[in-house]
Amino acid sequence: MDFQHLPPIEKLRIGQDLAVPALVLRVRPYRDSDIIAHMLTPSLGKISAIARHARGSRKRFPSSLDLFDRGTVRIVRERNGALGIKEFTPSHSLQKLRGDLDKLILASLLCEAFDLILQEDSAEDSTQTFEVLDLALNAVDEATELKGALRAVYLALVSLTQQGGITNLGSAAPGTRALAQLLDAIEAFCEKRLMTRSSLAPILKRISAG
């Protein structure tokens, strides 16, 4: 797909829709059956949109817009000016990751960090950012050992923080100490604690002990 010819999100007219690849970073329920999804796209950057009746429509939302889902989202400009999701078609849902608690925590940390750092008003370098996160999630899913999954997370976060001008740890060897320093830098920059970090501590302890 040629992303260069897609209209900027702010120029999307009421009733006009647009289909783009997307990774789901965060979802939250809204009202009785709606979902608000925060997604990363290669052409529009990070966007938030409401999926109306997503918790009741398996035809329009086969996966119910779950965290980590990768697929094609069809967004529309609603009458009130907000972005709506007409349809989301998943391409893969990382089943190995979802069945492994350690991998689930690492993937959750990735998505939380990307969601926290990336701003919705900028699509700069979004194609590269999308590819970094997509590759990292797939690497975590396919990793045969925990250290490999941890390395994928670390390298993705290094790329994210370098792009955001937060820190430069590119020369540091991947490991539990380097990851902790990286997470400290992210939390200091965002002035907010990563919610998944407490769940990460036992994983890092086991890796260090091994």
N, C-alpha and C. Protein backbone atom coordinates (compact mmCIF):
# COMPACT_ATOMS: atom_id res chain seq x y z
N MET A 1 0.84 -1.20 0.00
CA MET A 1 0.00 0.00 0.00
C MET A 1 0.87 1.24 0.00
N ASP A 2 0.49 2.23 -0.79
CA ASP A 2 1.25 3.47 -0.88
C ASP A 2 0.71 4.45 0.14
N PHE A 3 1.39 4.55 1.29
CA PHE A 3 0.90 5.40 2.35
C PHE A 3 1.07 6.89 2.05
N GLN A 4 1.95 7.23 1.12
CA GLN A 4 2.21 8.63 0.83
C GLN A 4 0.99 9.34 0.24
N HIS A 5 0.06 8.58 -0.36
CA HIS A 5 -1.08 9.19 -1.00
C HIS A 5 -2.34 9.15 -0.13
N LEU A 6 -2.20 8.71 1.11
CA LEU A 6 -3.33 8.74 2.02
C LEU A 6 -3.51 10.15 2.57
N PRO A 7 -4.76 10.60 2.77
CA PRO A 7 -4.97 11.95 3.30
C PRO A 7 -4.58 12.02 4.77
N PRO A 8 -4.04 13.17 5.24
CA PRO A 8 -3.77 13.32 6.67
C PRO A 8 -5.05 13.13 7.45
N ILE A 9 -4.94 12.61 8.65
CA ILE A 9 -6.12 12.26 9.42
C ILE A 9 -7.00 13.48 9.67
N GLU A 10 -6.39 14.67 9.83
CA GLU A 10 -7.19 15.87 10.10
C GLU A 10 -8.00 16.31 8.88
N LYS A 11 -7.66 15.79 7.69
CA LYS A 11 -8.38 16.16 6.47
C LYS A 11 -9.46 15.14 6.11
N LEU A 12 -9.62 14.14 6.94
CA LEU A 12 -10.66 13.14 6.69
C LEU A 12 -12.02 13.79 6.91
N ARG A 13 -12.85 13.82 5.89
CA ARG A 13 -14.14 14.51 5.96
C ARG A 13 -15.19 13.63 6.64
N ILE A 14 -16.25 14.27 7.11
CA ILE A 14 -17.34 13.55 7.76
C ILE A 14 -17.94 12.54 6.78
N GLY A 15 -18.02 11.30 7.22
CA GLY A 15 -18.54 10.24 6.38
C GLY A 15 -17.50 9.54 5.53
N GLN A 16 -16.32 10.16 5.38
CA GLN A 16 -15.26 9.55 4.59
C GLN A 16 -14.56 8.49 5.43
N ASP A 17 -14.24 7.36 4.82
CA ASP A 17 -13.54 6.32 5.57
C ASP A 17 -12.22 5.98 4.91
N LEU A 18 -11.37 5.32 5.66
CA LEU A 18 -10.01 5.04 5.25
C LEU A 18 -9.56 3.74 5.89
N ALA A 19 -8.96 2.85 5.11
CA ALA A 19 -8.47 1.58 5.63
C ALA A 19 -6.95 1.59 5.72
N VAL A 20 -6.41 1.27 6.90
CA VAL A 20 -4.96 1.27 7.11
C VAL A 20 -4.58 0.10 8.02
N PRO A 21 -3.33 -0.38 7.90
CA PRO A 21 -2.83 -1.38 8.87
C PRO A 21 -2.77 -0.74 10.26
N ALA A 22 -2.95 -1.55 11.29
CA ALA A 22 -2.94 -1.01 12.65
C ALA A 22 -2.54 -2.07 13.65
N LEU A 23 -1.90 -1.61 14.72
CA LEU A 23 -1.58 -2.43 15.88
C LEU A 23 -2.33 -1.85 17.07
N VAL A 24 -3.03 -2.69 17.81
CA VAL A 24 -3.80 -2.20 18.96
C VAL A 24 -2.89 -2.08 20.18
N LEU A 25 -2.76 -0.84 20.68
CA LEU A 25 -1.90 -0.57 21.83
C LEU A 25 -2.65 -0.65 23.16
N ARG A 26 -3.91 -0.23 23.12
CA ARG A 26 -4.70 -0.19 24.37
C ARG A 26 -6.17 -0.13 24.01
N VAL A 27 -6.98 -0.77 24.79
CA VAL A 27 -8.43 -0.69 24.61
C VAL A 27 -9.08 -0.43 25.97
N ARG A 28 -10.20 0.26 25.92
CA ARG A 28 -10.96 0.47 27.16
C ARG A 28 -12.44 0.52 26.83
N PRO A 29 -13.25 -0.06 27.69
CA PRO A 29 -14.69 -0.06 27.44
C PRO A 29 -15.28 1.34 27.53
N TYR A 30 -16.33 1.56 26.77
CA TYR A 30 -17.00 2.86 26.77
C TYR A 30 -18.50 2.61 26.64
N ARG A 31 -19.25 3.15 27.58
CA ARG A 31 -20.69 2.92 27.63
C ARG A 31 -20.99 1.42 27.72
N ASP A 32 -22.13 1.01 27.20
CA ASP A 32 -22.56 -0.38 27.40
C ASP A 32 -21.85 -1.37 26.49
N SER A 33 -21.63 -1.01 25.22
CA SER A 33 -21.09 -1.99 24.28
C SER A 33 -19.99 -1.44 23.38
N ASP A 34 -19.57 -0.20 23.61
CA ASP A 34 -18.55 0.41 22.77
C ASP A 34 -17.15 0.17 23.35
N ILE A 35 -16.16 0.36 22.49
CA ILE A 35 -14.75 0.27 22.88
C ILE A 35 -14.01 1.46 22.30
N ILE A 36 -13.14 2.06 23.08
CA ILE A 36 -12.22 3.06 22.56
C ILE A 36 -10.87 2.39 22.40
N ALA A 37 -10.35 2.41 21.19
CA ALA A 37 -9.09 1.74 20.88
C ALA A 37 -8.01 2.75 20.55
N HIS A 38 -6.86 2.56 21.14
CA HIS A 38 -5.67 3.37 20.82
C HIS A 38 -4.79 2.48 19.95
N MET A 39 -4.50 2.94 18.75
CA MET A 39 -3.80 2.10 17.77
C MET A 39 -2.63 2.84 17.15
N LEU A 40 -1.64 2.06 16.74
CA LEU A 40 -0.49 2.60 16.01
C LEU A 40 -0.61 2.19 14.55
N THR A 41 -0.49 3.16 13.65
CA THR A 41 -0.57 2.88 12.22
C THR A 41 0.70 3.38 11.54
N PRO A 42 1.10 2.79 10.42
CA PRO A 42 2.33 3.23 9.74
C PRO A 42 2.18 4.54 8.98
N SER A 43 0.95 4.96 8.71
CA SER A 43 0.74 6.17 7.90
C SER A 43 0.22 7.35 8.70
N LEU A 44 -0.57 7.08 9.74
CA LEU A 44 -1.21 8.15 10.50
C LEU A 44 -0.63 8.32 11.90
N GLY A 45 0.33 7.49 12.26
CA GLY A 45 0.86 7.53 13.61
C GLY A 45 -0.11 6.90 14.59
N LYS A 46 -0.12 7.40 15.82
CA LYS A 46 -1.04 6.87 16.83
C LYS A 46 -2.38 7.58 16.73
N ILE A 47 -3.44 6.79 16.73
CA ILE A 47 -4.78 7.35 16.67
C ILE A 47 -5.65 6.68 17.74
N SER A 48 -6.70 7.38 18.13
CA SER A 48 -7.71 6.82 19.02
C SER A 48 -9.05 6.93 18.33
N ALA A 49 -9.84 5.88 18.40
CA ALA A 49 -11.14 5.87 17.73
C ALA A 49 -12.11 4.99 18.50
N ILE A 50 -13.39 5.28 18.33
CA ILE A 50 -14.42 4.53 19.03
C ILE A 50 -15.01 3.47 18.12
N ALA A 51 -15.09 2.27 18.64
CA ALA A 51 -15.70 1.16 17.91
C ALA A 51 -17.07 0.92 18.54
N ARG A 52 -18.10 1.37 17.87
CA ARG A 52 -19.44 1.29 18.43
C ARG A 52 -19.98 -0.14 18.33
N HIS A 53 -20.52 -0.63 19.44
CA HIS A 53 -21.09 -1.98 19.55
C HIS A 53 -20.04 -3.06 19.28
N ALA A 54 -18.77 -2.74 19.55
CA ALA A 54 -17.69 -3.70 19.28
C ALA A 54 -17.80 -4.94 20.15
N ARG A 55 -18.40 -4.81 21.32
CA ARG A 55 -18.51 -5.96 22.21
C ARG A 55 -19.71 -6.85 21.87
N GLY A 56 -20.39 -6.50 20.78
CA GLY A 56 -21.52 -7.32 20.40
C GLY A 56 -21.55 -7.71 18.94
N SER A 57 -20.55 -7.24 18.15
CA SER A 57 -20.54 -7.52 16.72
C SER A 57 -19.31 -8.32 16.33
N ARG A 58 -19.48 -9.64 16.19
CA ARG A 58 -18.37 -10.49 15.76
C ARG A 58 -18.13 -10.38 14.26
N LYS A 59 -19.10 -9.87 13.52
CA LYS A 59 -18.93 -9.72 12.08
C LYS A 59 -17.99 -8.56 11.77
N ARG A 60 -18.21 -7.41 12.40
CA ARG A 60 -17.36 -6.24 12.17
C ARG A 60 -16.06 -6.30 12.96
N PHE A 61 -16.10 -6.97 14.09
CA PHE A 61 -14.93 -7.04 14.97
C PHE A 61 -14.72 -8.49 15.42
N PRO A 62 -14.15 -9.32 14.55
CA PRO A 62 -13.97 -10.75 14.86
C PRO A 62 -13.17 -11.00 16.13
N SER A 63 -12.23 -10.12 16.45
CA SER A 63 -11.39 -10.32 17.62
C SER A 63 -11.82 -9.46 18.79
N SER A 64 -12.90 -8.70 18.61
CA SER A 64 -13.37 -7.73 19.61
C SER A 64 -12.31 -6.67 19.90
N LEU A 65 -11.42 -6.41 18.96
CA LEU A 65 -10.37 -5.40 19.12
C LEU A 65 -9.56 -5.64 20.38
N ASP A 66 -8.80 -6.70 20.38
CA ASP A 66 -8.03 -7.09 21.55
C ASP A 66 -6.64 -6.46 21.51
N LEU A 67 -6.04 -6.31 22.68
CA LEU A 67 -4.67 -5.82 22.79
C LEU A 67 -3.73 -6.72 21.99
N PHE A 68 -2.74 -6.10 21.33
CA PHE A 68 -1.73 -6.75 20.48
C PHE A 68 -2.25 -7.12 19.09
N ASP A 69 -3.56 -6.98 18.84
CA ASP A 69 -4.08 -7.36 17.53
C ASP A 69 -3.40 -6.56 16.43
N ARG A 70 -3.08 -7.24 15.34
CA ARG A 70 -2.49 -6.61 14.16
C ARG A 70 -3.43 -6.91 13.00
N GLY A 71 -3.83 -5.88 12.29
CA GLY A 71 -4.74 -6.10 11.18
C GLY A 71 -5.01 -4.84 10.40
N THR A 72 -6.16 -4.78 9.76
CA THR A 72 -6.55 -3.61 8.98
C THR A 72 -7.77 -2.97 9.64
N VAL A 73 -7.66 -1.68 9.94
CA VAL A 73 -8.77 -0.95 10.54
C VAL A 73 -9.37 -0.01 9.49
N ARG A 74 -10.68 0.04 9.46
CA ARG A 74 -11.38 1.00 8.58
C ARG A 74 -11.98 2.06 9.49
N ILE A 75 -11.40 3.26 9.40
CA ILE A 75 -11.85 4.35 10.25
C ILE A 75 -12.69 5.33 9.46
N VAL A 76 -13.56 6.03 10.16
CA VAL A 76 -14.47 6.98 9.52
C VAL A 76 -14.57 8.23 10.39
N ARG A 77 -14.77 9.36 9.75
CA ARG A 77 -14.99 10.60 10.50
C ARG A 77 -16.49 10.69 10.80
N GLU A 78 -16.83 10.67 12.09
CA GLU A 78 -18.22 10.71 12.49
C GLU A 78 -18.76 12.14 12.47
N ARG A 79 -20.07 12.26 12.61
CA ARG A 79 -20.71 13.58 12.52
C ARG A 79 -20.25 14.54 13.60
N ASN A 80 -19.87 13.99 14.75
CA ASN A 80 -19.41 14.86 15.84
C ASN A 80 -17.93 15.21 15.71
N GLY A 81 -17.29 14.75 14.62
CA GLY A 81 -15.88 15.06 14.38
C GLY A 81 -14.91 14.02 14.90
N ALA A 82 -15.40 13.10 15.74
CA ALA A 82 -14.53 12.05 16.29
C ALA A 82 -14.25 10.98 15.24
N LEU A 83 -13.22 10.19 15.51
CA LEU A 83 -12.91 9.06 14.64
C LEU A 83 -13.66 7.83 15.12
N GLY A 84 -14.28 7.14 14.18
CA GLY A 84 -14.97 5.90 14.51
C GLY A 84 -14.34 4.74 13.76
N ILE A 85 -14.54 3.55 14.26
CA ILE A 85 -14.03 2.34 13.61
C ILE A 85 -15.21 1.59 13.01
N LYS A 86 -15.23 1.51 11.69
CA LYS A 86 -16.30 0.78 11.02
C LYS A 86 -16.07 -0.72 11.07
N GLU A 87 -14.77 -1.09 11.01
CA GLU A 87 -14.45 -2.50 10.92
C GLU A 87 -12.99 -2.71 11.27
N PHE A 88 -12.70 -3.84 11.89
CA PHE A 88 -11.30 -4.22 12.14
C PHE A 88 -11.15 -5.69 11.77
N THR A 89 -10.23 -5.95 10.84
CA THR A 89 -9.98 -7.31 10.38
C THR A 89 -8.59 -7.75 10.81
N PRO A 90 -8.47 -8.63 11.80
CA PRO A 90 -7.13 -9.04 12.26
C PRO A 90 -6.42 -9.92 11.24
N SER A 91 -5.11 -9.74 11.15
CA SER A 91 -4.30 -10.59 10.28
C SER A 91 -3.63 -11.70 11.09
N HIS A 92 -3.24 -11.39 12.31
CA HIS A 92 -2.73 -12.41 13.24
C HIS A 92 -2.86 -11.87 14.65
N SER A 93 -2.95 -12.75 15.62
CA SER A 93 -3.23 -12.31 16.99
C SER A 93 -2.24 -12.83 18.02
N LEU A 94 -1.10 -13.35 17.58
CA LEU A 94 -0.02 -13.73 18.49
C LEU A 94 -0.50 -14.72 19.56
N GLN A 95 -0.94 -15.89 19.12
CA GLN A 95 -1.53 -16.86 20.03
C GLN A 95 -0.52 -17.43 21.04
N LYS A 96 0.74 -17.62 20.63
CA LYS A 96 1.75 -18.14 21.55
C LYS A 96 1.96 -17.18 22.71
N LEU A 97 2.01 -15.92 22.38
CA LEU A 97 2.22 -14.87 23.38
C LEU A 97 1.07 -14.85 24.38
N ARG A 98 -0.15 -15.00 23.89
CA ARG A 98 -1.32 -14.90 24.76
C ARG A 98 -1.41 -16.08 25.72
N GLY A 99 -0.75 -17.18 25.41
CA GLY A 99 -0.80 -18.35 26.26
C GLY A 99 0.38 -18.47 27.21
N ASP A 100 1.25 -17.48 27.23
CA ASP A 100 2.45 -17.51 28.07
C ASP A 100 2.47 -16.24 28.92
N LEU A 101 2.34 -16.37 30.23
CA LEU A 101 2.22 -15.21 31.11
C LEU A 101 3.43 -14.29 31.02
N ASP A 102 4.65 -14.86 30.99
CA ASP A 102 5.85 -14.03 30.91
C ASP A 102 5.87 -13.21 29.61
N LYS A 103 5.58 -13.86 28.50
CA LYS A 103 5.55 -13.16 27.21
C LYS A 103 4.44 -12.11 27.20
N LEU A 104 3.33 -12.43 27.81
CA LEU A 104 2.20 -11.50 27.87
C LEU A 104 2.59 -10.22 28.60
N ILE A 105 3.34 -10.37 29.68
CA ILE A 105 3.79 -9.21 30.45
C ILE A 105 4.77 -8.37 29.63
N LEU A 106 5.72 -9.02 28.95
CA LEU A 106 6.69 -8.30 28.14
C LEU A 106 6.00 -7.54 27.00
N ALA A 107 5.05 -8.19 26.35
CA ALA A 107 4.32 -7.54 25.26
C ALA A 107 3.47 -6.38 25.78
N SER A 108 2.89 -6.56 26.94
CA SER A 108 2.08 -5.49 27.55
C SER A 108 2.95 -4.28 27.88
N LEU A 109 4.15 -4.54 28.37
CA LEU A 109 5.09 -3.46 28.66
C LEU A 109 5.43 -2.69 27.40
N LEU A 110 5.69 -3.41 26.32
CA LEU A 110 5.99 -2.77 25.04
C LEU A 110 4.87 -1.84 24.61
N CYS A 111 3.65 -2.36 24.58
CA CYS A 111 2.52 -1.56 24.10
C CYS A 111 2.26 -0.38 25.02
N GLU A 112 2.42 -0.58 26.33
CA GLU A 112 2.20 0.53 27.27
C GLU A 112 3.22 1.64 27.04
N ALA A 113 4.49 1.28 26.84
CA ALA A 113 5.53 2.28 26.62
C ALA A 113 5.31 3.04 25.32
N PHE A 114 4.98 2.33 24.25
CA PHE A 114 4.72 2.99 22.97
C PHE A 114 3.51 3.90 23.07
N ASP A 115 2.47 3.46 23.75
CA ASP A 115 1.27 4.26 23.90
C ASP A 115 1.55 5.51 24.73
N LEU A 116 2.38 5.36 25.75
CA LEU A 116 2.68 6.47 26.65
C LEU A 116 3.53 7.53 25.99
N ILE A 117 4.51 7.12 25.20
CA ILE A 117 5.48 8.06 24.62
C ILE A 117 4.97 8.71 23.34
N LEU A 118 4.31 7.94 22.49
CA LEU A 118 3.90 8.48 21.20
C LEU A 118 2.73 9.43 21.33
N GLN A 119 2.79 10.53 20.60
CA GLN A 119 1.73 11.53 20.62
C GLN A 119 0.80 11.35 19.43
N GLU A 120 -0.45 11.69 19.61
CA GLU A 120 -1.42 11.51 18.53
C GLU A 120 -1.35 12.62 17.48
N ASP A 121 -0.69 13.70 17.78
CA ASP A 121 -0.66 14.82 16.83
C ASP A 121 0.55 14.78 15.92
N SER A 122 1.23 13.64 15.86
CA SER A 122 2.42 13.53 15.02
C SER A 122 2.50 12.16 14.36
N ALA A 123 2.71 12.18 13.03
CA ALA A 123 2.89 10.93 12.28
C ALA A 123 4.33 10.80 11.80
N GLU A 124 5.21 11.64 12.32
CA GLU A 124 6.62 11.62 11.90
C GLU A 124 7.26 10.29 12.28
N ASP A 125 7.95 9.70 11.30
CA ASP A 125 8.65 8.42 11.49
C ASP A 125 7.71 7.30 11.93
N SER A 126 6.41 7.45 11.67
CA SER A 126 5.45 6.45 12.15
C SER A 126 5.61 5.10 11.46
N THR A 127 6.06 5.11 10.19
CA THR A 127 6.25 3.84 9.50
C THR A 127 7.33 3.02 10.18
N GLN A 128 8.45 3.66 10.51
CA GLN A 128 9.54 2.96 11.20
C GLN A 128 9.09 2.50 12.59
N THR A 129 8.38 3.37 13.30
CA THR A 129 7.93 3.02 14.65
C THR A 129 6.99 1.83 14.61
N PHE A 130 6.09 1.81 13.64
CA PHE A 130 5.17 0.71 13.47
C PHE A 130 5.93 -0.59 13.22
N GLU A 131 6.91 -0.54 12.34
CA GLU A 131 7.69 -1.74 12.02
C GLU A 131 8.47 -2.24 13.22
N VAL A 132 9.02 -1.32 14.01
CA VAL A 132 9.78 -1.71 15.20
C VAL A 132 8.89 -2.47 16.18
N LEU A 133 7.71 -1.92 16.46
CA LEU A 133 6.82 -2.57 17.40
C LEU A 133 6.29 -3.89 16.85
N ASP A 134 5.94 -3.91 15.59
CA ASP A 134 5.43 -5.13 14.95
C ASP A 134 6.46 -6.24 15.02
N LEU A 135 7.70 -5.93 14.66
CA LEU A 135 8.77 -6.93 14.70
C LEU A 135 9.03 -7.41 16.13
N ALA A 136 9.01 -6.48 17.09
CA ALA A 136 9.27 -6.85 18.48
C ALA A 136 8.19 -7.77 19.03
N LEU A 137 6.94 -7.47 18.75
CA LEU A 137 5.85 -8.32 19.24
C LEU A 137 5.93 -9.72 18.63
N ASN A 138 6.25 -9.77 17.35
CA ASN A 138 6.40 -11.08 16.71
C ASN A 138 7.59 -11.84 17.27
N ALA A 139 8.69 -11.12 17.59
CA ALA A 139 9.87 -11.75 18.17
C ALA A 139 9.56 -12.32 19.56
N VAL A 140 8.80 -11.57 20.35
CA VAL A 140 8.39 -12.06 21.67
C VAL A 140 7.52 -13.30 21.51
N ASP A 141 6.60 -13.26 20.56
CA ASP A 141 5.70 -14.38 20.32
C ASP A 141 6.47 -15.64 19.93
N GLU A 142 7.49 -15.50 19.10
CA GLU A 142 8.22 -16.65 18.56
C GLU A 142 9.43 -17.06 19.39
N ALA A 143 9.79 -16.29 20.39
CA ALA A 143 10.99 -16.58 21.18
C ALA A 143 10.90 -17.95 21.85
N THR A 144 11.99 -18.70 21.78
CA THR A 144 12.02 -20.03 22.39
C THR A 144 12.52 -19.98 23.83
N GLU A 145 13.11 -18.85 24.21
CA GLU A 145 13.54 -18.68 25.60
C GLU A 145 13.30 -17.24 26.02
N LEU A 146 13.18 -17.03 27.31
CA LEU A 146 12.80 -15.74 27.86
C LEU A 146 13.82 -14.65 27.55
N LYS A 147 15.10 -15.01 27.53
CA LYS A 147 16.14 -14.01 27.27
C LYS A 147 15.99 -13.42 25.86
N GLY A 148 15.60 -14.26 24.91
CA GLY A 148 15.39 -13.76 23.56
C GLY A 148 14.22 -12.79 23.48
N ALA A 149 13.16 -13.08 24.22
CA ALA A 149 12.01 -12.18 24.26
C ALA A 149 12.38 -10.86 24.92
N LEU A 150 13.17 -10.95 26.00
CA LEU A 150 13.59 -9.75 26.71
C LEU A 150 14.48 -8.87 25.82
N ARG A 151 15.34 -9.49 25.04
CA ARG A 151 16.21 -8.75 24.13
C ARG A 151 15.38 -7.99 23.08
N ALA A 152 14.36 -8.63 22.56
CA ALA A 152 13.50 -7.98 21.57
C ALA A 152 12.81 -6.76 22.17
N VAL A 153 12.35 -6.89 23.41
CA VAL A 153 11.70 -5.77 24.09
C VAL A 153 12.69 -4.62 24.29
N TYR A 154 13.88 -4.97 24.76
CA TYR A 154 14.90 -3.95 25.02
C TYR A 154 15.26 -3.18 23.75
N LEU A 155 15.52 -3.88 22.67
CA LEU A 155 15.93 -3.22 21.43
C LEU A 155 14.82 -2.33 20.87
N ALA A 156 13.56 -2.76 21.01
CA ALA A 156 12.44 -1.94 20.54
C ALA A 156 12.32 -0.66 21.37
N LEU A 157 12.51 -0.78 22.68
CA LEU A 157 12.41 0.40 23.54
C LEU A 157 13.59 1.35 23.33
N VAL A 158 14.76 0.80 23.03
CA VAL A 158 15.91 1.65 22.68
C VAL A 158 15.58 2.48 21.45
N SER A 159 15.04 1.84 20.43
CA SER A 159 14.68 2.55 19.20
C SER A 159 13.63 3.62 19.49
N LEU A 160 12.62 3.29 20.29
CA LEU A 160 11.56 4.24 20.62
C LEU A 160 12.09 5.45 21.36
N THR A 161 12.94 5.22 22.36
CA THR A 161 13.44 6.34 23.17
C THR A 161 14.44 7.19 22.39
N GLN A 162 15.23 6.57 21.54
CA GLN A 162 16.14 7.35 20.70
C GLN A 162 15.36 8.25 19.76
N GLN A 163 14.31 7.72 19.17
CA GLN A 163 13.48 8.51 18.27
C GLN A 163 12.83 9.68 19.01
N GLY A 164 12.42 9.44 20.25
CA GLY A 164 11.77 10.49 21.02
C GLY A 164 12.74 11.42 21.72
N GLY A 165 14.06 11.18 21.56
CA GLY A 165 15.06 12.03 22.20
C GLY A 165 15.09 11.90 23.71
N ILE A 166 14.68 10.75 24.21
CA ILE A 166 14.60 10.56 25.65
C ILE A 166 15.95 10.14 26.23
N THR A 167 16.56 9.15 25.62
CA THR A 167 17.84 8.66 26.12
C THR A 167 18.57 7.93 25.00
N ASN A 168 19.82 7.66 25.23
CA ASN A 168 20.61 6.94 24.23
C ASN A 168 21.39 5.83 24.92
N LEU A 169 20.85 4.63 24.86
CA LEU A 169 21.51 3.47 25.46
C LEU A 169 21.84 2.44 24.39
N GLY A 170 21.95 2.92 23.17
CA GLY A 170 22.18 2.01 22.06
C GLY A 170 23.44 1.18 22.17
N SER A 171 24.45 1.69 22.85
CA SER A 171 25.71 0.97 22.97
C SER A 171 25.74 0.03 24.17
N ALA A 172 24.73 0.12 25.03
CA ALA A 172 24.70 -0.74 26.22
C ALA A 172 24.30 -2.15 25.83
N ALA A 173 24.91 -3.12 26.49
CA ALA A 173 24.57 -4.51 26.21
C ALA A 173 23.19 -4.82 26.77
N PRO A 174 22.34 -5.48 25.97
CA PRO A 174 21.01 -5.83 26.47
C PRO A 174 21.10 -6.69 27.72
N GLY A 175 20.30 -6.38 28.69
CA GLY A 175 20.30 -7.14 29.94
C GLY A 175 19.32 -6.52 30.91
N THR A 176 19.17 -7.15 32.07
CA THR A 176 18.19 -6.67 33.04
C THR A 176 18.54 -5.28 33.57
N ARG A 177 19.83 -5.01 33.79
CA ARG A 177 20.22 -3.69 34.31
C ARG A 177 19.97 -2.60 33.27
N ALA A 178 20.35 -2.87 32.03
CA ALA A 178 20.14 -1.88 30.97
C ALA A 178 18.66 -1.61 30.75
N LEU A 179 17.84 -2.67 30.83
CA LEU A 179 16.40 -2.49 30.67
C LEU A 179 15.82 -1.65 31.81
N ALA A 180 16.30 -1.89 33.03
CA ALA A 180 15.82 -1.12 34.17
C ALA A 180 16.16 0.36 34.00
N GLN A 181 17.37 0.66 33.53
CA GLN A 181 17.78 2.04 33.29
C GLN A 181 16.90 2.69 32.22
N LEU A 182 16.58 1.91 31.21
CA LEU A 182 15.75 2.40 30.11
C LEU A 182 14.33 2.73 30.62
N LEU A 183 13.79 1.86 31.43
CA LEU A 183 12.45 2.08 31.97
C LEU A 183 12.44 3.27 32.93
N ASP A 184 13.53 3.45 33.69
CA ASP A 184 13.65 4.63 34.55
C ASP A 184 13.59 5.90 33.73
N ALA A 185 14.30 5.91 32.59
CA ALA A 185 14.34 7.08 31.73
C ALA A 185 12.96 7.37 31.14
N ILE A 186 12.24 6.33 30.75
CA ILE A 186 10.90 6.51 30.19
C ILE A 186 9.96 7.10 31.25
N GLU A 187 10.00 6.55 32.45
CA GLU A 187 9.13 7.04 33.52
C GLU A 187 9.46 8.47 33.92
N ALA A 188 10.75 8.81 33.94
CA ALA A 188 11.15 10.17 34.28
C ALA A 188 10.69 11.15 33.21
N PHE A 189 10.81 10.75 31.95
CA PHE A 189 10.41 11.62 30.84
C PHE A 189 8.90 11.84 30.83
N CYS A 190 8.15 10.78 31.05
CA CYS A 190 6.68 10.86 30.98
C CYS A 190 6.06 11.29 32.31
N GLU A 191 6.89 11.30 33.37
CA GLU A 191 6.41 11.64 34.71
C GLU A 191 5.23 10.75 35.10
N LYS A 192 5.39 9.48 34.77
CA LYS A 192 4.33 8.51 35.06
C LYS A 192 4.95 7.13 35.15
N ARG A 193 4.49 6.34 36.11
CA ARG A 193 5.03 4.99 36.26
C ARG A 193 4.34 4.04 35.30
N LEU A 194 5.12 3.15 34.72
CA LEU A 194 4.57 2.13 33.84
C LEU A 194 3.83 1.10 34.69
N MET A 195 2.57 0.89 34.40
CA MET A 195 1.74 0.01 35.22
C MET A 195 2.23 -1.44 35.18
N THR A 196 2.78 -1.84 34.04
CA THR A 196 3.22 -3.24 33.90
C THR A 196 4.59 -3.50 34.52
N ARG A 197 5.25 -2.46 35.01
CA ARG A 197 6.62 -2.65 35.49
C ARG A 197 6.67 -3.54 36.74
N SER A 198 5.69 -3.42 37.60
CA SER A 198 5.69 -4.25 38.82
C SER A 198 5.59 -5.73 38.46
N SER A 199 4.87 -6.05 37.40
CA SER A 199 4.75 -7.44 36.97
C SER A 199 6.03 -7.94 36.31
N LEU A 200 6.85 -7.00 35.84
CA LEU A 200 8.10 -7.35 35.17
C LEU A 200 9.18 -7.78 36.16
N ALA A 201 9.13 -7.25 37.38
CA ALA A 201 10.20 -7.48 38.37
C ALA A 201 10.50 -8.96 38.60
N PRO A 202 9.51 -9.83 38.82
CA PRO A 202 9.83 -11.25 39.03
C PRO A 202 10.50 -11.91 37.82
N ILE A 203 10.15 -11.46 36.63
CA ILE A 203 10.76 -12.00 35.41
C ILE A 203 12.25 -11.65 35.37
N LEU A 204 12.56 -10.38 35.64
CA LEU A 204 13.96 -9.94 35.62
C LEU A 204 14.76 -10.66 36.71
N LYS A 205 14.13 -10.90 37.83
CA LYS A 205 14.82 -11.58 38.93
C LYS A 205 15.17 -13.00 38.54
N ARG A 206 14.25 -13.69 37.87
CA ARG A 206 14.49 -15.07 37.45
C ARG A 206 15.59 -15.14 36.38
N ILE A 207 15.57 -14.15 35.46
CA ILE A 207 16.59 -14.14 34.41
C ILE A 207 17.97 -13.88 35.00
N SER A 208 18.05 -12.94 35.96
CA SER A 208 19.32 -12.62 36.59
C SER A 208 19.85 -13.82 37.38
N ALA A 209 18.95 -14.53 38.02
CA ALA A 209 19.36 -15.70 38.82
C ALA A 209 19.82 -16.84 37.94
N GLY A 210 19.27 -16.88 36.71
CA GLY A 210 19.64 -17.97 35.81
C GLY A 210 20.93 -17.71 35.09
